[in-house]
Amino acid sequence: MDHATFTTAFRAALFGGPPPPGAFANDPDEVERRFAVYRNNVAHSLTRALACRFPVVERLVGGDFFAATARVYLQEDPPASPRLSQWGQGFAAFLERFEPAAALAYLPDVARLEWQRGQAYHAADAGPVSAEALMQAAADPGRHALRLHPSVAMVRSRFAVVSIWEANQPGQRPGGHLRANRAETALVLRDRADQVPVIALTEEEALCADALLRGATLLAATAGTEGSAAMRLLPLLMRVGAITGIAEQG
């Protein structure tokens, strides 16, 4: 058996298939029992890796529920790469159709927020532009667009995902009234200190940020919004080093 065939069979065995060819014990039944121990150790390790990526989801549902959920997800969407930072993109969509979690309708969007934070942390590096370049761009907003750091993204939700995320950070005690059924938009990015904050945006700030991410000029990005939206958003992006280039349009 060639190496590729064996590794394919071994991977299938890890995620519920029969023991791979070549597994041997004096008692045939012992093969399955012994491999089951190995399979369980792998499943446990992957479950903990998923919990590290989605700690707020785990805190919201509890450790036992999360572990059981992760085992089901693992069967549906096992890692396709040894780089576990790339695994879990489908977890939010899985939660949407996972009946035992149906009562927590906001859970998939919390998972999307946590996934995006992981993506932001591992995004490519890009240095900020100078203050002089920004001033020149601002002097002719109809011709210039901003290039934002690869980590910058938004997560829109009909639920209070930012508030839920903030209330479930380490050191925060559960308690108090949190109204989950209200829309919030999160801005996610990696700052100069390699931290990944979650910033709540107003609707007008979100419209401005969305336009900037799509490559609109400064003038177009701020059209139809109150000046205060851009006045808060642009200095924030400058302060954290998220403006990495200036593009001239036309």
Protein backbone atom coordinates (compact mmCIF):
# COMPACT_ATOMS: atom_id res chain seq x y z
CA MET A 1 0.00 0.00 0.00
CA ASP A 2 1.44 3.37 -1.00
CA HIS A 3 1.76 6.23 1.47
CA ALA A 4 -1.12 8.29 0.05
CA THR A 5 -3.53 5.38 0.23
CA PHE A 6 -2.51 4.57 3.79
CA THR A 7 -2.82 8.16 5.03
CA THR A 8 -6.27 8.41 3.45
CA ALA A 9 -7.36 5.21 5.19
CA PHE A 10 -5.81 6.35 8.47
CA ARG A 11 -7.60 9.71 8.29
CA ALA A 12 -10.92 7.94 7.61
CA ALA A 13 -10.30 5.69 10.61
CA LEU A 14 -9.68 8.70 12.87
CA PHE A 15 -13.10 10.12 12.05
CA GLY A 16 -15.27 7.06 12.49
CA GLY A 17 -14.11 4.54 9.90
CA PRO A 18 -12.68 1.07 10.62
CA PRO A 19 -9.07 0.77 11.82
CA PRO A 20 -6.59 1.31 9.00
CA PRO A 21 -5.08 -1.63 7.11
CA GLY A 22 -2.07 -3.05 8.90
CA ALA A 23 -3.38 -2.44 12.43
CA PHE A 24 -2.74 -5.73 14.28
CA ALA A 25 -3.37 -7.40 17.64
CA ASN A 26 -3.51 -11.02 18.73
CA ASP A 27 -7.19 -10.64 19.47
CA PRO A 28 -9.00 -9.11 16.44
CA ASP A 29 -11.41 -7.29 18.75
CA GLU A 30 -8.45 -5.66 20.47
CA VAL A 31 -7.57 -3.74 17.29
CA GLU A 32 -10.78 -1.72 17.42
CA ARG A 33 -10.53 -1.14 21.18
CA ARG A 34 -6.95 0.07 20.97
CA PHE A 35 -7.56 2.30 17.98
CA ALA A 36 -10.66 3.72 19.68
CA VAL A 37 -8.39 5.08 22.43
CA TYR A 38 -6.25 6.83 19.84
CA ARG A 39 -9.34 8.10 18.00
CA ASN A 40 -10.76 9.48 21.26
CA ASN A 41 -7.51 11.29 22.09
CA VAL A 42 -7.50 12.96 18.69
CA ALA A 43 -11.16 13.95 19.04
CA HIS A 44 -10.50 15.40 22.49
CA SER A 45 -7.52 17.42 21.23
CA LEU A 46 -9.51 18.80 18.30
CA THR A 47 -12.42 19.62 20.59
CA ARG A 48 -10.12 21.67 22.78
CA ALA A 49 -8.62 23.36 19.69
CA LEU A 50 -12.13 24.36 18.62
CA ALA A 51 -12.87 25.67 22.11
CA CYS A 52 -9.74 27.84 21.93
CA ARG A 53 -11.02 29.33 18.69
CA PHE A 54 -14.57 29.84 20.01
CA PRO A 55 -14.19 30.51 23.76
CA VAL A 56 -17.28 32.71 24.05
CA VAL A 57 -19.45 30.09 22.36
CA GLU A 58 -18.12 27.55 24.87
CA ARG A 59 -18.83 29.87 27.79
CA LEU A 60 -22.37 30.54 26.56
CA VAL A 61 -23.33 26.87 26.23
CA GLY A 62 -21.11 25.32 28.91
CA GLY A 63 -18.15 22.97 28.60
CA ASP A 64 -20.07 19.70 28.40
CA PHE A 65 -22.52 20.95 25.78
CA PHE A 66 -19.69 22.45 23.72
CA ALA A 67 -17.68 19.23 23.83
CA ALA A 68 -20.66 17.19 22.63
CA THR A 69 -21.37 19.75 19.90
CA ALA A 70 -17.75 19.76 18.78
CA ARG A 71 -17.79 15.96 18.42
CA VAL A 72 -20.75 16.19 16.06
CA TYR A 73 -19.15 19.03 14.11
CA LEU A 74 -15.91 17.08 13.86
CA GLN A 75 -17.70 14.26 12.07
CA GLU A 76 -19.26 16.69 9.59
CA ASP A 77 -16.28 18.98 8.97
CA PRO A 78 -12.95 17.48 10.09
CA PRO A 79 -9.77 19.52 9.61
CA ALA A 80 -8.52 19.53 6.03
CA SER A 81 -5.11 20.93 6.97
CA PRO A 82 -2.63 20.44 9.83
CA ARG A 83 -2.88 24.21 10.36
CA LEU A 84 -5.73 24.25 12.86
CA SER A 85 -6.05 28.03 12.55
CA GLN A 86 -7.76 27.27 9.22
CA TRP A 87 -10.32 24.92 10.77
CA GLY A 88 -13.69 26.10 12.02
CA GLN A 89 -14.88 28.37 9.22
CA GLY A 90 -18.02 26.26 8.86
CA PHE A 91 -18.80 26.16 12.58
CA ALA A 92 -21.24 29.09 12.50
CA ALA A 93 -23.22 27.56 9.62
CA PHE A 94 -23.23 24.25 11.48
CA LEU A 95 -24.66 25.91 14.58
CA GLU A 96 -27.48 27.41 12.51
CA ARG A 97 -28.82 23.94 11.74
CA PHE A 98 -27.78 22.24 15.00
CA GLU A 99 -31.15 21.61 16.61
CA PRO A 100 -29.96 21.29 20.24
CA ALA A 101 -28.69 24.90 20.05
CA ALA A 102 -31.77 26.31 18.31
CA ALA A 103 -32.90 28.22 21.41
CA LEU A 104 -29.73 30.35 21.26
CA ALA A 105 -30.44 32.04 17.93
CA TYR A 106 -27.55 34.48 18.38
CA LEU A 107 -24.95 31.72 18.77
CA PRO A 108 -24.01 31.40 15.06
CA ASP A 109 -23.26 35.13 14.80
CA VAL A 110 -21.14 34.99 17.95
CA ALA A 111 -19.22 32.17 16.26
CA ARG A 112 -18.82 34.30 13.13
CA LEU A 113 -17.39 37.11 15.25
CA GLU A 114 -14.93 34.78 16.96
CA TRP A 115 -13.89 33.22 13.65
CA GLN A 116 -13.26 36.68 12.20
CA ARG A 117 -11.09 37.60 15.17
CA GLY A 118 -8.97 34.54 14.49
CA GLN A 119 -8.68 35.52 10.84
CA ALA A 120 -7.67 39.03 11.85
CA TYR A 121 -4.97 37.76 14.20
CA HIS A 122 -3.40 35.64 11.45
CA ALA A 123 -3.84 38.21 8.65
CA ALA A 124 -0.85 39.38 6.65
CA ASP A 125 1.24 42.27 7.95
CA ALA A 126 0.97 45.71 6.39
CA GLY A 127 2.45 48.94 7.67
CA PRO A 128 0.39 52.12 8.15
CA VAL A 129 0.66 55.08 5.80
CA SER A 130 2.16 58.34 6.97
CA ALA A 131 0.10 61.19 8.37
CA GLU A 132 1.27 63.34 5.46
CA ALA A 133 -0.15 60.88 2.90
CA LEU A 134 -3.46 60.84 4.72
CA MET A 135 -3.63 64.62 4.77
CA GLN A 136 -2.99 64.75 1.03
CA ALA A 137 -5.75 62.21 0.41
CA ALA A 138 -8.18 64.13 2.61
CA ALA A 139 -7.47 67.27 0.62
CA ASP A 140 -9.00 65.67 -2.48
CA PRO A 141 -11.51 63.11 -1.14
CA GLY A 142 -13.20 62.60 -4.49
CA ARG A 143 -10.04 61.13 -6.03
CA HIS A 144 -8.59 59.07 -3.21
CA ALA A 145 -9.58 55.81 -1.55
CA LEU A 146 -8.03 54.15 1.48
CA ARG A 147 -6.48 50.70 1.54
CA LEU A 148 -7.27 49.06 4.86
CA HIS A 149 -5.21 46.48 6.72
CA PRO A 150 -5.92 42.86 5.64
CA SER A 151 -7.25 42.17 9.14
CA VAL A 152 -10.10 44.70 8.91
CA ALA A 153 -13.56 43.16 8.59
CA MET A 154 -17.12 43.70 9.76
CA VAL A 155 -19.62 41.29 11.26
CA ARG A 156 -23.23 42.43 10.97
CA SER A 157 -25.85 40.76 13.13
CA ARG A 158 -29.48 41.17 14.07
CA PHE A 159 -28.32 40.30 17.58
CA ALA A 160 -26.19 42.19 20.10
CA VAL A 161 -23.05 40.24 19.24
CA VAL A 162 -20.60 42.88 20.47
CA SER A 163 -22.34 43.20 23.83
CA ILE A 164 -22.58 39.41 24.18
CA TRP A 165 -18.90 39.02 23.32
CA GLU A 166 -17.84 41.74 25.77
CA ALA A 167 -19.98 40.29 28.59
CA ASN A 168 -18.30 36.91 28.22
CA GLN A 169 -14.65 37.89 28.32
CA PRO A 170 -12.31 36.51 31.01
CA GLY A 171 -12.94 38.20 34.33
CA GLN A 172 -16.50 39.14 33.49
CA ARG A 173 -19.10 37.62 35.78
CA PRO A 174 -22.32 36.33 34.26
CA GLY A 175 -25.29 38.32 35.39
CA GLY A 176 -27.27 41.42 34.67
CA HIS A 177 -29.79 41.95 31.94
CA LEU A 178 -28.52 41.80 28.39
CA ARG A 179 -31.01 42.39 25.60
CA ALA A 180 -29.72 40.11 22.84
CA ASN A 181 -32.45 40.82 20.29
CA ARG A 182 -31.09 44.09 18.95
CA ALA A 183 -28.86 44.55 15.95
CA GLU A 184 -25.16 45.33 16.35
CA THR A 185 -22.29 45.58 13.90
CA ALA A 186 -18.76 44.68 14.93
CA LEU A 187 -15.57 46.07 13.44
CA VAL A 188 -12.71 43.60 13.83
CA LEU A 189 -9.04 44.37 13.18
CA ARG A 190 -5.53 43.73 14.44
CA ASP A 191 -4.00 46.82 15.98
CA ARG A 192 -0.41 48.03 16.32
CA ALA A 193 0.06 45.95 19.48
CA ASP A 194 -1.17 42.77 17.71
CA GLN A 195 -4.36 42.82 19.76
CA VAL A 196 -7.71 42.10 18.10
CA PRO A 197 -10.34 44.43 19.55
CA VAL A 198 -14.04 44.22 18.76
CA ILE A 199 -15.51 47.66 18.15
CA ALA A 200 -19.24 48.39 18.00
CA LEU A 201 -20.23 50.58 15.05
CA THR A 202 -23.30 52.68 14.55
CA GLU A 203 -25.24 52.05 11.35
CA GLU A 204 -23.72 55.11 9.68
CA GLU A 205 -20.22 54.11 10.77
CA ALA A 206 -20.87 50.64 9.40
CA LEU A 207 -21.98 52.08 6.05
CA CYS A 208 -18.82 54.17 5.90
CA ALA A 209 -16.58 51.23 6.84
CA ASP A 210 -18.28 48.98 4.31
CA ALA A 211 -17.71 51.54 1.55
CA LEU A 212 -14.04 51.90 2.49
CA LEU A 213 -13.61 48.12 2.43
CA ARG A 214 -15.13 48.07 -1.07
CA GLY A 215 -12.62 50.64 -2.29
CA ALA A 216 -14.90 53.68 -2.50
CA THR A 217 -13.36 57.12 -2.47
CA LEU A 218 -13.37 59.07 0.76
CA LEU A 219 -16.07 61.32 -0.65
CA ALA A 220 -18.28 58.39 -1.68
CA ALA A 221 -17.68 56.57 1.60
CA THR A 222 -18.96 59.49 3.63
CA ALA A 223 -21.84 60.44 1.31
CA GLY A 224 -25.23 60.03 2.95
CA THR A 225 -23.78 59.76 6.45
CA GLU A 226 -23.46 62.33 9.17
CA GLY A 227 -20.04 63.85 9.46
CA SER A 228 -19.70 62.47 12.97
CA ALA A 229 -19.57 58.91 11.60
CA ALA A 230 -16.48 59.57 9.53
CA MET A 231 -15.04 61.82 12.24
CA ARG A 232 -15.03 58.88 14.65
CA LEU A 233 -14.21 56.05 12.26
CA LEU A 234 -11.28 57.55 10.33
CA PRO A 235 -9.27 58.69 13.39
CA LEU A 236 -9.88 55.26 14.92
CA LEU A 237 -8.50 53.51 11.84
CA MET A 238 -5.52 55.88 11.82
CA ARG A 239 -4.80 55.37 15.51
CA VAL A 240 -4.68 51.58 15.31
CA GLY A 241 -2.63 51.58 12.10
CA ALA A 242 -5.39 50.11 9.94
CA ILE A 243 -4.96 52.51 6.99
CA THR A 244 -2.15 50.97 4.97
CA GLY A 245 -2.33 52.71 1.60
CA ILE A 246 -3.83 55.42 -0.55
CA ALA A 247 -5.32 54.66 -3.96
CA GLU A 248 -6.00 57.34 -6.56
CA GLN A 249 -9.19 56.87 -8.52
CA GLY A 250 -9.45 57.93 -12.15
